[in-house]
C-alpha atoms as a PDB file:
ATOM      1  CA  MET A   1     -96.978 183.530-147.513  1.00  0.00           C
ATOM      2  CA  HIS A   2     -96.972 184.783-143.933  1.00  0.00           C
ATOM      3  CA  ARG A   3     -99.939 182.636-143.216  1.00  0.00           C
ATOM      4  CA  ALA A   4     -98.208 179.418-144.352  1.00  0.00           C
ATOM      5  CA  ALA A   5     -95.215 180.064-142.040  1.00  0.00           C
ATOM      6  CA  ASP A   6     -97.694 180.501-139.109  1.00  0.00           C
ATOM      7  CA  GLU A   7     -99.421 177.300-140.025  1.00  0.00           C
ATOM      8  CA  PHE A   8     -96.066 175.487-140.130  1.00  0.00           C
ATOM      9  CA  ALA A   9     -95.098 176.830-136.724  1.00  0.00           C
ATOM     10  CA  LEU A  10     -98.367 175.583-135.230  1.00  0.00           C
ATOM     11  CA  ASP A  11     -98.228 172.185-136.966  1.00  0.00           C
ATOM     12  CA  PRO A  12     -96.918 169.615-134.425  1.00  0.00           C
ATOM     13  CA  VAL A  13     -95.723 167.021-136.981  1.00  0.00           C
ATOM     14  CA  PRO A  14     -92.409 168.690-137.787  1.00  0.00           C
ATOM     15  CA  ARG A  15     -91.766 169.152-133.991  1.00  0.00           C
ATOM     16  CA  ARG A  16     -92.489 165.508-133.361  1.00  0.00           C
ATOM     17  CA  ARG A  17     -90.177 164.535-136.113  1.00  0.00           C
ATOM     18  CA  GLY A  18     -87.438 166.594-134.448  1.00  0.00           C
ATOM     19  CA  VAL A  19     -88.077 165.062-131.055  1.00  0.00           C
ATOM     20  CA  VAL A  20     -88.013 161.544-132.616  1.00  0.00           C
ATOM     21  CA  ARG A  21     -84.723 162.385-134.338  1.00  0.00           C
ATOM     22  CA  VAL A  22     -83.201 163.601-131.051  1.00  0.00           C
ATOM     23  CA  PHE A  23     -84.413 160.531-129.256  1.00  0.00           C
ATOM     24  CA  ILE A  24     -82.912 158.181-131.936  1.00  0.00           C
ATOM     25  CA  LEU A  25     -79.659 160.036-131.770  1.00  0.00           C
ATOM     26  CA  ALA A  26     -79.481 159.860-127.988  1.00  0.00           C
ATOM     27  CA  ALA A  27     -80.361 156.173-127.968  1.00  0.00           C
ATOM     28  CA  THR A  28     -77.730 155.459-130.613  1.00  0.00           C
ATOM     29  CA  LEU A  29     -75.120 157.329-128.611  1.00  0.00           C
ATOM     30  CA  ALA A  30     -76.131 155.479-125.422  1.00  0.00           C
ATOM     31  CA  ILE A  31     -75.764 152.073-127.195  1.00  0.00           C
ATOM     32  CA  LEU A  32     -72.415 153.002-128.559  1.00  0.00           C
ATOM     33  CA  ALA A  33     -71.185 154.176-125.191  1.00  0.00           C
ATOM     34  CA  ALA A  34     -72.381 150.918-123.529  1.00  0.00           C
ATOM     35  CA  ASP A  35     -70.534 148.881-126.285  1.00  0.00           C
ATOM     36  CA  LEU A  36     -67.397 150.904-125.703  1.00  0.00           C
ATOM     37  CA  VAL A  37     -67.576 150.347-121.991  1.00  0.00           C
ATOM     38  CA  GLY A  38     -68.171 146.642-122.427  1.00  0.00           C
ATOM     39  CA  PHE A  39     -65.437 146.345-124.943  1.00  0.00           C
ATOM     40  CA  THR A  40     -63.009 148.173-122.617  1.00  0.00           C
ATOM     41  CA  ARG A  41     -63.872 145.869-119.709  1.00  0.00           C
ATOM     42  CA  LEU A  42     -63.487 142.655-121.866  1.00  0.00           C
ATOM     43  CA  THR A  43     -60.249 143.771-123.489  1.00  0.00           C
ATOM     44  CA  GLY A  44     -58.903 145.153-120.252  1.00  0.00           C
ATOM     45  CA  GLU A  45     -59.304 141.862-118.517  1.00  0.00           C
ATOM     46  CA  ARG A  46     -56.327 139.719-119.504  1.00  0.00           C
ATOM     47  CA  GLU A  47     -56.309 135.979-119.138  1.00  0.00           C
ATOM     48  CA  PRO A  48     -53.778 134.993-116.495  1.00  0.00           C
ATOM     49  CA  GLU A  49     -50.854 132.866-117.503  1.00  0.00           C
ATOM     50  CA  ILE A  50     -50.733 129.403-116.044  1.00  0.00           C
ATOM     51  CA  ALA A  51     -47.712 127.410-117.020  1.00  0.00           C
ATOM     52  CA  GLY A  52     -48.581 124.406-119.205  1.00  0.00           C
ATOM     53  CA  VAL A  53     -52.048 125.528-120.275  1.00  0.00           C
ATOM     54  CA  GLU A  54     -52.772 124.770-123.869  1.00  0.00           C
ATOM     55  CA  ARG A  55     -55.114 127.035-125.834  1.00  0.00           C
ATOM     56  CA  PHE A  56     -57.179 125.792-128.725  1.00  0.00           C
ATOM     57  CA  ASP A  57     -59.427 127.500-131.268  1.00  0.00           C
ATOM     58  CA  ILE A  58     -62.822 125.821-131.315  1.00  0.00           C
ATOM     59  CA  PRO A  59     -64.538 126.941-134.522  1.00  0.00           C
ATOM     60  CA  GLU A  60     -67.655 124.800-134.148  1.00  0.00           C
ATOM     61  CA  ARG A  61     -70.066 124.445-131.244  1.00  0.00           C
ATOM     62  CA  GLY A  62     -73.381 123.331-132.708  1.00  0.00           C
ATOM     63  CA  HIS A  63     -75.768 120.838-131.139  1.00  0.00           C
ATOM     64  CA  THR A  64     -75.972 117.254-132.347  1.00  0.00           C
ATOM     65  CA  THR A  65     -77.432 114.070-131.124  1.00  0.00           C
ATOM     66  CA  ASP A  66     -74.925 111.987-133.048  1.00  0.00           C
ATOM     67  CA  PRO A  67     -71.619 110.739-131.451  1.00  0.00           C
ATOM     68  CA  VAL A  68     -68.728 113.140-132.079  1.00  0.00           C
ATOM     69  CA  THR A  69     -65.119 112.181-132.672  1.00  0.00           C
ATOM     70  CA  TYR A  70     -63.100 114.886-130.923  1.00  0.00           C
ATOM     71  CA  ASP A  71     -59.488 115.806-131.704  1.00  0.00           C
ATOM     72  CA  ARG A  72     -58.148 115.436-128.117  1.00  0.00           C
ATOM     73  CA  ILE A  73     -58.811 113.519-124.908  1.00  0.00           C
ATOM     74  CA  PRO A  74     -60.751 114.757-123.198  1.00  0.00           C
ATOM     75  CA  PRO A  75     -62.366 117.194-125.548  1.00  0.00           C
ATOM     76  CA  ALA A  76     -62.026 120.873-124.939  1.00  0.00           C
ATOM     77  CA  GLY A  77     -64.890 121.995-127.067  1.00  0.00           C
ATOM     78  CA  GLY A  78     -66.709 121.444-130.321  1.00  0.00           C
ATOM     79  CA  PRO A  79     -70.126 120.053-131.405  1.00  0.00           C
ATOM     80  CA  HIS A  80     -71.997 118.623-128.441  1.00  0.00           C
ATOM     81  CA  ASP A  81     -75.284 117.134-127.216  1.00  0.00           C
ATOM     82  CA  PRO A  82     -78.219 119.488-126.689  1.00  0.00           C
ATOM     83  CA  ALA A  83     -78.408 118.256-123.057  1.00  0.00           C
ATOM     84  CA  LEU A  84     -75.589 119.424-120.768  1.00  0.00           C
ATOM     85  CA  GLN A  85     -73.999 117.327-118.043  1.00  0.00           C
ATOM     86  CA  ASN A  86     -75.121 118.429-114.582  1.00  0.00           C
ATOM     87  CA  CYS A  87     -72.131 119.737-112.786  1.00  0.00           C
ATOM     88  CA  GLY A  88     -70.682 117.935-109.809  1.00  0.00           C
ATOM     89  CA  VAL A  89     -68.616 114.873-108.770  1.00  0.00           C
ATOM     90  CA  TYR A  90     -69.085 111.589-110.643  1.00  0.00           C
ATOM     91  CA  ALA A  91     -67.636 108.116-109.923  1.00  0.00           C
ATOM     92  CA  GLU A  92     -68.109 106.902-113.497  1.00  0.00           C
ATOM     93  CA  PRO A  93     -66.838 108.350-116.777  1.00  0.00           C
ATOM     94  CA  LEU A  94     -69.085 110.922-118.501  1.00  0.00           C
ATOM     95  CA  ARG A  95     -70.272 111.041-122.013  1.00  0.00           C
ATOM     96  CA  ASP A  96     -68.021 113.551-123.850  1.00  0.00           C
ATOM     97  CA  GLU A  97     -70.897 115.184-125.785  1.00  0.00           C
ATOM     98  CA  ASN A  98     -72.770 116.112-122.627  1.00  0.00           C
ATOM     99  CA  ALA A  99     -69.667 117.289-120.729  1.00  0.00           C
ATOM    100  CA  VAL A 100     -68.644 119.447-123.738  1.00  0.00           C
ATOM    101  CA  HIS A 101     -72.054 121.238-123.458  1.00  0.00           C
ATOM    102  CA  SER A 102     -71.191 122.023-119.831  1.00  0.00           C
ATOM    103  CA  LEU A 103     -67.803 123.416-120.904  1.00  0.00           C
ATOM    104  CA  GLU A 104     -69.607 125.713-123.307  1.00  0.00           C
ATOM    105  CA  HIS A 105     -71.532 127.065-120.296  1.00  0.00           C
ATOM    106  CA  GLY A 106     -68.265 127.850-118.518  1.00  0.00           C
ATOM    107  CA  ALA A 107     -67.654 124.630-116.615  1.00  0.00           C
ATOM    108  CA  VAL A 108     -64.236 123.275-115.766  1.00  0.00           C
ATOM    109  CA  TRP A 109     -63.945 119.546-116.155  1.00  0.00           C
ATOM    110  CA  LEU A 110     -61.283 117.726-113.985  1.00  0.00           C
ATOM    111  CA  THR A 111     -60.643 114.220-115.308  1.00  0.00           C
ATOM    112  CA  TYR A 112     -58.381 111.650-113.760  1.00  0.00           C
ATOM    113  CA  ARG A 113     -57.105 108.168-114.544  1.00  0.00           C
ATOM    114  CA  PRO A 114     -59.555 105.564-113.174  1.00  0.00           C
ATOM    115  CA  ASP A 115     -56.745 103.891-111.132  1.00  0.00           C
ATOM    116  CA  LEU A 116     -56.035 107.083-109.129  1.00  0.00           C
ATOM    117  CA  PRO A 117     -56.018 106.269-105.408  1.00  0.00           C
ATOM    118  CA  ALA A 118     -59.211 107.222-103.561  1.00  0.00           C
ATOM    119  CA  TRP A 119     -57.382 109.760-101.326  1.00  0.00           C
ATOM    120  CA  GLN A 120     -56.175 111.634-104.389  1.00  0.00           C
ATOM    121  CA  VAL A 121     -59.688 111.566-105.915  1.00  0.00           C
ATOM    122  CA  ASP A 122     -60.913 113.066-102.682  1.00  0.00           C
ATOM    123  CA  MET A 123     -58.262 115.725-102.912  1.00  0.00           C
ATOM    124  CA  LEU A 124     -59.433 116.640-106.433  1.00  0.00           C
ATOM    125  CA  SER A 125     -63.044 116.574-105.232  1.00  0.00           C
ATOM    126  CA  GLY A 126     -62.104 119.095-102.596  1.00  0.00           C
ATOM    127  CA  LEU A 127     -61.033 121.543-105.327  1.00  0.00           C
ATOM    128  CA  ILE A 128     -64.534 121.769-106.716  1.00  0.00           C
ATOM    129  CA  LYS A 129     -66.610 121.103-103.563  1.00  0.00           C
ATOM    130  CA  GLY A 130     -69.283 123.735-103.209  1.00  0.00           C
ATOM    131  CA  LYS A 131     -68.389 125.449-106.525  1.00  0.00           C
ATOM    132  CA  HIS A 132     -70.822 125.774-109.445  1.00  0.00           C
ATOM    133  CA  HIS A 133     -69.688 125.092-113.013  1.00  0.00           C
ATOM    134  CA  ALA A 134     -67.296 122.292-112.129  1.00  0.00           C
ATOM    135  CA  LEU A 135     -67.193 118.627-113.044  1.00  0.00           C
ATOM    136  CA  LEU A 136     -64.964 115.805-111.785  1.00  0.00           C
ATOM    137  CA  SER A 137     -64.891 112.280-113.273  1.00  0.00           C
ATOM    138  CA  PRO A 138     -62.653 109.386-114.156  1.00  0.00           C
ATOM    139  CA  TYR A 139     -61.594 109.219-117.773  1.00  0.00           C
ATOM    140  CA  PRO A 140     -60.017 106.070-119.339  1.00  0.00           C
ATOM    141  CA  GLY A 141     -57.020 106.629-121.587  1.00  0.00           C
ATOM    142  CA  LEU A 142     -55.949 110.078-120.374  1.00  0.00           C
ATOM    143  CA  PRO A 143     -52.569 111.282-121.599  1.00  0.00           C
ATOM    144  CA  ALA A 144     -51.694 112.351-118.007  1.00  0.00           C
ATOM    145  CA  THR A 145     -52.806 111.484-114.451  1.00  0.00           C
ATOM    146  CA  VAL A 146     -55.078 114.505-114.274  1.00  0.00           C
ATOM    147  CA  VAL A 147     -56.363 116.716-117.127  1.00  0.00           C
ATOM    148  CA  ALA A 148     -58.089 120.014-116.289  1.00  0.00           C
ATOM    149  CA  THR A 149     -60.285 121.179-119.189  1.00  0.00           C
ATOM    150  CA  ALA A 150     -62.327 124.324-119.906  1.00  0.00           C
ATOM    151  CA  TRP A 151     -63.667 125.505-123.285  1.00  0.00           C
ATOM    152  CA  GLY A 152     -60.499 125.892-125.520  1.00  0.00           C
ATOM    153  CA  ARG A 153     -58.145 125.459-122.559  1.00  0.00           C
ATOM    154  CA  GLN A 154     -56.422 122.359-121.147  1.00  0.00           C
ATOM    155  CA  LEU A 155     -53.798 121.528-118.529  1.00  0.00           C
ATOM    156  CA  ALA A 156     -52.299 117.962-118.204  1.00  0.00           C
ATOM    157  CA  VAL A 157     -50.390 117.121-115.027  1.00  0.00           C
ATOM    158  CA  ASP A 158     -49.018 114.003-113.456  1.00  0.00           C
ATOM    159  CA  ASP A 159     -49.266 115.122-109.804  1.00  0.00           C
ATOM    160  CA  PRO A 160     -52.791 115.471-108.475  1.00  0.00           C
ATOM    161  CA  ALA A 161     -51.403 117.841-105.799  1.00  0.00           C
ATOM    162  CA  ASP A 162     -50.051 120.254-108.454  1.00  0.00           C
ATOM    163  CA  PRO A 163     -51.166 123.748-107.459  1.00  0.00           C
ATOM    164  CA  ARG A 164     -51.815 124.634-111.028  1.00  0.00           C
ATOM    165  CA  ILE A 165     -54.980 122.526-110.974  1.00  0.00           C
ATOM    166  CA  ALA A 166     -56.580 124.702-108.317  1.00  0.00           C
ATOM    167  CA  ARG A 167     -55.432 127.810-110.186  1.00  0.00           C
ATOM    168  CA  PHE A 168     -57.028 126.441-113.366  1.00  0.00           C
ATOM    169  CA  VAL A 169     -60.298 125.845-111.565  1.00  0.00           C
ATOM    170  CA  ASP A 170     -60.296 129.420-110.149  1.00  0.00           C
ATOM    171  CA  VAL A 171     -59.417 131.122-113.459  1.00  0.00           C
ATOM    172  CA  TYR A 172     -61.456 129.156-115.921  1.00  0.00           C
ATOM    173  CA  ARG A 173     -64.624 128.222-114.000  1.00  0.00           C
ATOM    174  CA  ALA A 174     -67.097 130.679-115.596  1.00  0.00           C
ATOM    175  CA  GLY A 175     -64.027 132.448-116.724  1.00  0.00           C
ATOM    176  CA  PRO A 176     -62.969 134.606-119.719  1.00  0.00           C
ATOM    177  CA  GLN A 177     -63.055 131.732-122.210  1.00  0.00           C
ATOM    178  CA  SER A 178     -66.702 130.897-121.462  1.00  0.00           C
ATOM    179  CA  VAL A 179     -68.699 130.838-124.590  1.00  0.00           C
ATOM    180  CA  GLU A 180     -72.059 131.113-122.802  1.00  0.00           C
ATOM    181  CA  LYS A 181     -70.966 132.816-119.607  1.00  0.00           C
ATOM    182  CA  GLY A 182     -73.782 132.859-116.999  1.00  0.00           C
ATOM    183  CA  ALA A 183     -75.609 129.865-118.590  1.00  0.00           C
ATOM    184  CA  PRO A 184     -76.687 127.169-116.030  1.00  0.00           C
ATOM    185  CA  CYS A 185     -74.750 124.003-115.278  1.00  0.00           C
ATOM    186  CA  ASP A 186     -77.730 122.038-114.130  1.00  0.00           C
ATOM    187  CA  GLY A 187     -81.023 120.911-115.567  1.00  0.00           C
ATOM    188  CA  GLY A 188     -79.320 118.410-117.888  1.00  0.00           C
ATOM    189  CA  VAL A 189     -78.344 114.771-117.520  1.00  0.00           C
ATOM    190  CA  GLY A 190     -76.603 112.859-114.820  1.00  0.00           C
ATOM    191  CA  ASN A 191     -76.854 112.566-111.031  1.00  0.00           C
ATOM    192  CA  PRO A 192     -73.643 113.763-109.427  1.00  0.00           C
ATOM    193  CA  LEU A 193     -72.592 112.339-106.043  1.00  0.00           C
ATOM    194  CA  ARG A 194     -72.382 115.935-104.783  1.00  0.00           C
END
């Protein structure tokens, strides 16, 4: 009997099993701690209030090559084309399905009525100049002069100089509502003016 105990003490298999168990336990605790820290950071970061911003639940975000009928103009999310719209400034209306893909990546899309005077379009262009994850384009049939859109968020204003537009761009461009935060806003379709 004494001999079996000595053999067990010299057998490295039980020792290895113990080391593996300790390693698994430590790795599990590290993952749980990282999740807790990440959760705390996400829940600790509150979305700022901007007067007039509407919030929408967007339950579906799959890819489709078919035309999509959206529930608002311009759309604030939903099914979209597999190719995103390259971010930047455009002089022509964009295809909704491509722009929505950019919204999924964290883009803000500023749309304006096509009859907006050029100097006001330039003012809007200045709000996104040099900023990644931002689109600007005319949009026929808008319910307001300018509509700022991010995934699940929208602000409609009649004054292109309204300071809430710039605030919307700053808060929601690659912001807390982003579904695929950090995803690119280029490599898709379209040739922006800048």
